[in-house]
C-alpha atoms as a PDB file:
ATOM      1  CA  MET A   1     -35.789 -37.345 -14.231  1.00  0.00           C
ATOM      2  CA  THR A   2     -35.052 -38.098 -10.584  1.00  0.00           C
ATOM      3  CA  ALA A   3     -34.413 -35.579  -7.869  1.00  0.00           C
ATOM      4  CA  SER A   4     -30.754 -35.239  -6.985  1.00  0.00           C
ATOM      5  CA  ASN A   5     -31.370 -36.236  -3.347  1.00  0.00           C
ATOM      6  CA  GLU A   6     -32.925 -39.590  -4.263  1.00  0.00           C
ATOM      7  CA  GLN A   7     -30.594 -42.565  -4.039  1.00  0.00           C
ATOM      8  CA  GLN A   8     -29.902 -44.159  -7.387  1.00  0.00           C
ATOM      9  CA  PRO A   9     -30.164 -47.942  -7.536  1.00  0.00           C
ATOM     10  CA  ALA A  10     -26.918 -49.841  -7.111  1.00  0.00           C
ATOM     11  CA  SER A  11     -25.649 -50.096 -10.665  1.00  0.00           C
ATOM     12  CA  ASN A  12     -22.924 -52.685 -10.246  1.00  0.00           C
ATOM     13  CA  GLU A  13     -21.545 -55.371  -7.971  1.00  0.00           C
ATOM     14  CA  LEU A  14     -19.304 -52.930  -6.079  1.00  0.00           C
ATOM     15  CA  ASP A  15     -22.246 -50.591  -5.368  1.00  0.00           C
ATOM     16  CA  GLN A  16     -24.369 -53.511  -4.173  1.00  0.00           C
ATOM     17  CA  ALA A  17     -21.602 -54.782  -1.883  1.00  0.00           C
ATOM     18  CA  LEU A  18     -20.997 -51.292  -0.450  1.00  0.00           C
ATOM     19  CA  GLN A  19     -24.710 -50.822   0.156  1.00  0.00           C
ATOM     20  CA  ALA A  20     -24.949 -54.225   1.884  1.00  0.00           C
ATOM     21  CA  MET A  21     -21.920 -53.440   4.066  1.00  0.00           C
ATOM     22  CA  ARG A  22     -23.406 -50.059   5.070  1.00  0.00           C
ATOM     23  CA  GLU A  23     -26.619 -51.805   6.141  1.00  0.00           C
ATOM     24  CA  ASP A  24     -24.678 -53.850   8.711  1.00  0.00           C
ATOM     25  CA  MET A  25     -21.124 -52.626   9.320  1.00  0.00           C
ATOM     26  CA  ASN A  26     -20.525 -55.437  11.847  1.00  0.00           C
ATOM     27  CA  ASP A  27     -21.285 -58.255   9.394  1.00  0.00           C
ATOM     28  CA  ALA A  28     -17.890 -59.796   8.585  1.00  0.00           C
ATOM     29  CA  LYS A  29     -19.271 -61.607   5.526  1.00  0.00           C
ATOM     30  CA  ARG A  30     -20.568 -58.348   4.023  1.00  0.00           C
ATOM     31  CA  GLN A  31     -17.260 -56.621   4.755  1.00  0.00           C
ATOM     32  CA  SER A  32     -15.283 -59.472   3.210  1.00  0.00           C
ATOM     33  CA  ASN A  33     -17.489 -59.433   0.118  1.00  0.00           C
ATOM     34  CA  PHE A  34     -17.057 -55.679  -0.367  1.00  0.00           C
ATOM     35  CA  TYR A  35     -13.274 -55.754   0.063  1.00  0.00           C
ATOM     36  CA  ASP A  36     -12.943 -58.777  -2.235  1.00  0.00           C
ATOM     37  CA  ILE A  37     -14.868 -56.977  -4.976  1.00  0.00           C
ATOM     38  CA  PHE A  38     -12.880 -53.777  -4.339  1.00  0.00           C
ATOM     39  CA  LEU A  39      -9.551 -55.576  -4.705  1.00  0.00           C
ATOM     40  CA  ASN A  40     -10.707 -57.207  -7.951  1.00  0.00           C
ATOM     41  CA  THR A  41     -12.207 -54.078  -9.564  1.00  0.00           C
ATOM     42  CA  THR A  42     -10.247 -51.989 -12.050  1.00  0.00           C
ATOM     43  CA  PHE A  43     -10.603 -48.304 -11.176  1.00  0.00           C
ATOM     44  CA  CYS A  44     -10.243 -45.153 -13.237  1.00  0.00           C
ATOM     45  CA  VAL A  45      -7.499 -43.111 -11.578  1.00  0.00           C
ATOM     46  CA  PRO A  46      -7.401 -39.529 -12.888  1.00  0.00           C
ATOM     47  CA  THR A  47      -3.925 -38.370 -13.822  1.00  0.00           C
ATOM     48  CA  LEU A  48      -2.197 -35.016 -14.157  1.00  0.00           C
ATOM     49  CA  ASP A  49      -0.037 -33.827 -17.007  1.00  0.00           C
ATOM     50  CA  PRO A  50       3.325 -32.861 -15.445  1.00  0.00           C
ATOM     51  CA  LYS A  51       3.709 -30.135 -18.098  1.00  0.00           C
ATOM     52  CA  GLU A  52       0.693 -28.331 -16.608  1.00  0.00           C
ATOM     53  CA  LEU A  53       2.247 -28.167 -13.118  1.00  0.00           C
ATOM     54  CA  ASP A  54       4.629 -25.644 -11.612  1.00  0.00           C
ATOM     55  CA  GLY A  55       8.095 -27.019 -11.065  1.00  0.00           C
ATOM     56  CA  ASP A  56      10.254 -29.510 -12.847  1.00  0.00           C
ATOM     57  CA  ILE A  57       8.610 -32.927 -12.666  1.00  0.00           C
ATOM     58  CA  THR A  58      10.166 -35.708 -14.695  1.00  0.00           C
ATOM     59  CA  LEU A  59       8.450 -39.070 -15.060  1.00  0.00           C
ATOM     60  CA  GLU A  60      10.100 -42.233 -16.264  1.00  0.00           C
ATOM     61  CA  ASP A  61       8.624 -44.025 -19.271  1.00  0.00           C
ATOM     62  CA  GLY A  62       5.326 -45.636 -18.266  1.00  0.00           C
ATOM     63  CA  GLN A  63       4.961 -43.611 -15.047  1.00  0.00           C
ATOM     64  CA  VAL A  64       1.917 -41.435 -14.406  1.00  0.00           C
ATOM     65  CA  LEU A  65       1.098 -38.748 -11.885  1.00  0.00           C
ATOM     66  CA  PRO A  66      -2.172 -39.617 -10.104  1.00  0.00           C
ATOM     67  CA  LEU A  67      -4.513 -36.848  -8.997  1.00  0.00           C
ATOM     68  CA  ILE A  68      -4.242 -36.254  -5.239  1.00  0.00           C
ATOM     69  CA  MET A  69      -6.782 -33.903  -3.638  1.00  0.00           C
ATOM     70  CA  GLU A  70      -6.531 -32.258  -0.229  1.00  0.00           C
ATOM     71  CA  ALA A  71      -9.557 -32.031   2.076  1.00  0.00           C
ATOM     72  CA  ASP A  72      -9.701 -31.364   5.823  1.00  0.00           C
ATOM     73  CA  GLY A  73      -5.920 -31.614   6.097  1.00  0.00           C
ATOM     74  CA  ASN A  74      -5.774 -35.064   4.450  1.00  0.00           C
ATOM     75  CA  ASP A  75      -4.535 -36.081   1.004  1.00  0.00           C
ATOM     76  CA  TYR A  76      -6.795 -38.352  -1.051  1.00  0.00           C
ATOM     77  CA  LEU A  77      -6.022 -40.534  -4.040  1.00  0.00           C
ATOM     78  CA  MET A  78      -9.091 -40.177  -6.234  1.00  0.00           C
ATOM     79  CA  ILE A  79     -10.491 -43.385  -7.785  1.00  0.00           C
ATOM     80  CA  PHE A  80     -13.689 -44.142  -9.700  1.00  0.00           C
ATOM     81  CA  ASP A  81     -15.215 -47.468 -10.677  1.00  0.00           C
ATOM     82  CA  SER A  82     -16.354 -46.125 -14.062  1.00  0.00           C
ATOM     83  CA  GLU A  83     -15.341 -43.476 -16.544  1.00  0.00           C
ATOM     84  CA  GLU A  84     -18.902 -42.130 -16.336  1.00  0.00           C
ATOM     85  CA  ARG A  85     -18.584 -41.438 -12.589  1.00  0.00           C
ATOM     86  CA  LEU A  86     -15.193 -39.807 -13.133  1.00  0.00           C
ATOM     87  CA  LYS A  87     -16.647 -37.547 -15.841  1.00  0.00           C
ATOM     88  CA  ASN A  88     -19.645 -36.676 -13.643  1.00  0.00           C
ATOM     89  CA  TRP A  89     -17.262 -35.633 -10.882  1.00  0.00           C
ATOM     90  CA  THR A  90     -15.053 -33.476 -13.098  1.00  0.00           C
ATOM     91  CA  ASP A  91     -17.591 -32.276 -15.717  1.00  0.00           C
ATOM     92  CA  THR A  92     -14.783 -32.791 -18.244  1.00  0.00           C
ATOM     93  CA  ALA A  93     -13.072 -35.660 -20.039  1.00  0.00           C
ATOM     94  CA  PRO A  94      -9.984 -36.079 -17.844  1.00  0.00           C
ATOM     95  CA  LYS A  95      -6.998 -38.248 -18.527  1.00  0.00           C
ATOM     96  CA  TRP A  96      -7.013 -41.422 -16.464  1.00  0.00           C
ATOM     97  CA  ILE A  97      -5.418 -44.826 -16.179  1.00  0.00           C
ATOM     98  CA  GLY A  98      -7.037 -48.138 -15.234  1.00  0.00           C
ATOM     99  CA  VAL A  99      -5.576 -49.612 -12.030  1.00  0.00           C
ATOM    100  CA  PRO A 100      -6.786 -52.782 -10.270  1.00  0.00           C
ATOM    101  CA  GLY A 101      -7.909 -52.339  -6.668  1.00  0.00           C
ATOM    102  CA  HIS A 102      -5.282 -54.765  -5.402  1.00  0.00           C
ATOM    103  CA  VAL A 103      -2.539 -52.634  -7.001  1.00  0.00           C
ATOM    104  CA  ILE A 104      -4.025 -49.481  -5.452  1.00  0.00           C
ATOM    105  CA  ALA A 105      -4.094 -51.178  -2.030  1.00  0.00           C
ATOM    106  CA  ALA A 106      -0.530 -52.473  -2.420  1.00  0.00           C
ATOM    107  CA  THR A 107       0.963 -49.127  -3.453  1.00  0.00           C
ATOM    108  CA  THR A 108      -0.958 -46.573  -1.365  1.00  0.00           C
ATOM    109  CA  LEU A 109       1.084 -45.711   1.723  1.00  0.00           C
ATOM    110  CA  PRO A 110       0.188 -43.690   4.842  1.00  0.00           C
ATOM    111  CA  PRO A 111      -0.705 -40.918   5.346  1.00  0.00           C
ATOM    112  CA  LEU A 112      -2.506 -41.047   1.977  1.00  0.00           C
ATOM    113  CA  HIS A 113      -6.258 -41.733   2.042  1.00  0.00           C
ATOM    114  CA  ILE A 114      -8.368 -43.068  -0.842  1.00  0.00           C
ATOM    115  CA  ALA A 115     -11.593 -41.437  -1.995  1.00  0.00           C
ATOM    116  CA  MET A 116     -13.735 -43.753  -4.141  1.00  0.00           C
ATOM    117  CA  ASN A 117     -16.568 -42.535  -6.391  1.00  0.00           C
ATOM    118  CA  VAL A 118     -16.697 -38.998  -4.986  1.00  0.00           C
ATOM    119  CA  GLY A 119     -19.840 -37.206  -6.073  1.00  0.00           C
ATOM    120  CA  SER A 120     -21.965 -40.359  -6.150  1.00  0.00           C
ATOM    121  CA  GLU A 121     -24.102 -41.911  -3.438  1.00  0.00           C
ATOM    122  CA  TYR A 122     -21.712 -44.887  -3.548  1.00  0.00           C
ATOM    123  CA  SER A 123     -18.670 -42.937  -2.407  1.00  0.00           C
ATOM    124  CA  LYS A 124     -16.355 -44.256   0.281  1.00  0.00           C
ATOM    125  CA  GLN A 125     -13.299 -42.963   2.074  1.00  0.00           C
ATOM    126  CA  PHE A 126     -10.536 -45.410   2.928  1.00  0.00           C
ATOM    127  CA  LEU A 127      -8.462 -44.412   5.955  1.00  0.00           C
ATOM    128  CA  PRO A 128      -4.736 -45.213   6.193  1.00  0.00           C
ATOM    129  CA  ASP A 129      -5.272 -48.061   8.726  1.00  0.00           C
ATOM    130  CA  GLU A 130      -7.856 -49.627   6.418  1.00  0.00           C
ATOM    131  CA  ILE A 131      -5.503 -49.302   3.435  1.00  0.00           C
ATOM    132  CA  THR A 132      -2.644 -50.837   5.439  1.00  0.00           C
ATOM    133  CA  TRP A 133      -4.893 -53.793   6.305  1.00  0.00           C
ATOM    134  CA  LEU A 134      -5.847 -54.216   2.622  1.00  0.00           C
ATOM    135  CA  ARG A 135      -2.171 -54.034   1.602  1.00  0.00           C
ATOM    136  CA  GLU A 136      -1.375 -56.800   4.112  1.00  0.00           C
ATOM    137  CA  VAL A 137      -4.209 -58.928   2.674  1.00  0.00           C
ATOM    138  CA  VAL A 138      -2.804 -58.449  -0.842  1.00  0.00           C
ATOM    139  CA  GLU A 139       0.729 -59.298   0.331  1.00  0.00           C
ATOM    140  CA  ARG A 140      -0.526 -62.503   2.020  1.00  0.00           C
ATOM    141  CA  CYS A 141      -2.438 -63.526  -1.114  1.00  0.00           C
ATOM    142  CA  ASN A 142       0.619 -62.827  -3.296  1.00  0.00           C
ATOM    143  CA  ALA A 143       2.854 -64.858  -0.934  1.00  0.00           C
ATOM    144  CA  GLU A 144       0.386 -67.770  -0.959  1.00  0.00           C
ATOM    145  CA  ALA A 145       0.146 -67.644  -4.747  1.00  0.00           C
ATOM    146  CA  GLY A 146       3.963 -67.689  -4.968  1.00  0.00           C
ATOM    147  CA  GLU A 147       4.154 -70.710  -2.668  1.00  0.00           C
ATOM    148  CA  GLN A 148       1.549 -72.561  -4.738  1.00  0.00           C
ATOM    149  CA  GLN A 149       3.482 -71.862  -7.934  1.00  0.00           C
ATOM    150  CA  GLN A 150       6.711 -73.119  -6.395  1.00  0.00           C
ATOM    151  CA  GLY A 151       5.056 -76.193  -4.889  1.00  0.00           C
ATOM    152  CA  GLY A 152       2.925 -77.121  -7.873  1.00  0.00           C
END
């Protein structure tokens, strides 16, 4: 058994990329690698049951209500790269939906922040400017892919 203050080894590609980026925040290659892996990772996004909330919330078929937490005056979309990390954070078996990172980046709008892997040593906060930049990257990639499909 390890002490809770010891850092666990990076257990996946996302952890390794985050760790490498933290070692040198000015290294563009490390940043690019982390964000590329982030955008291509499917995350567990905890969801709420509208029936358990006060008020009349109606969702269309196929829509979900993601868990948004408030901390220090900011709202955070909670995401986890594994069901195990989500369960460790909540100590329960919450409802969740799998959402690719590129979809999260494309649909998260300011002033919402993103909190990834809260409760683990591989947690990261994404600020609105960072999310906007990621959304622009996704939009450029989607536009390029559309042009290639039309041209080819």
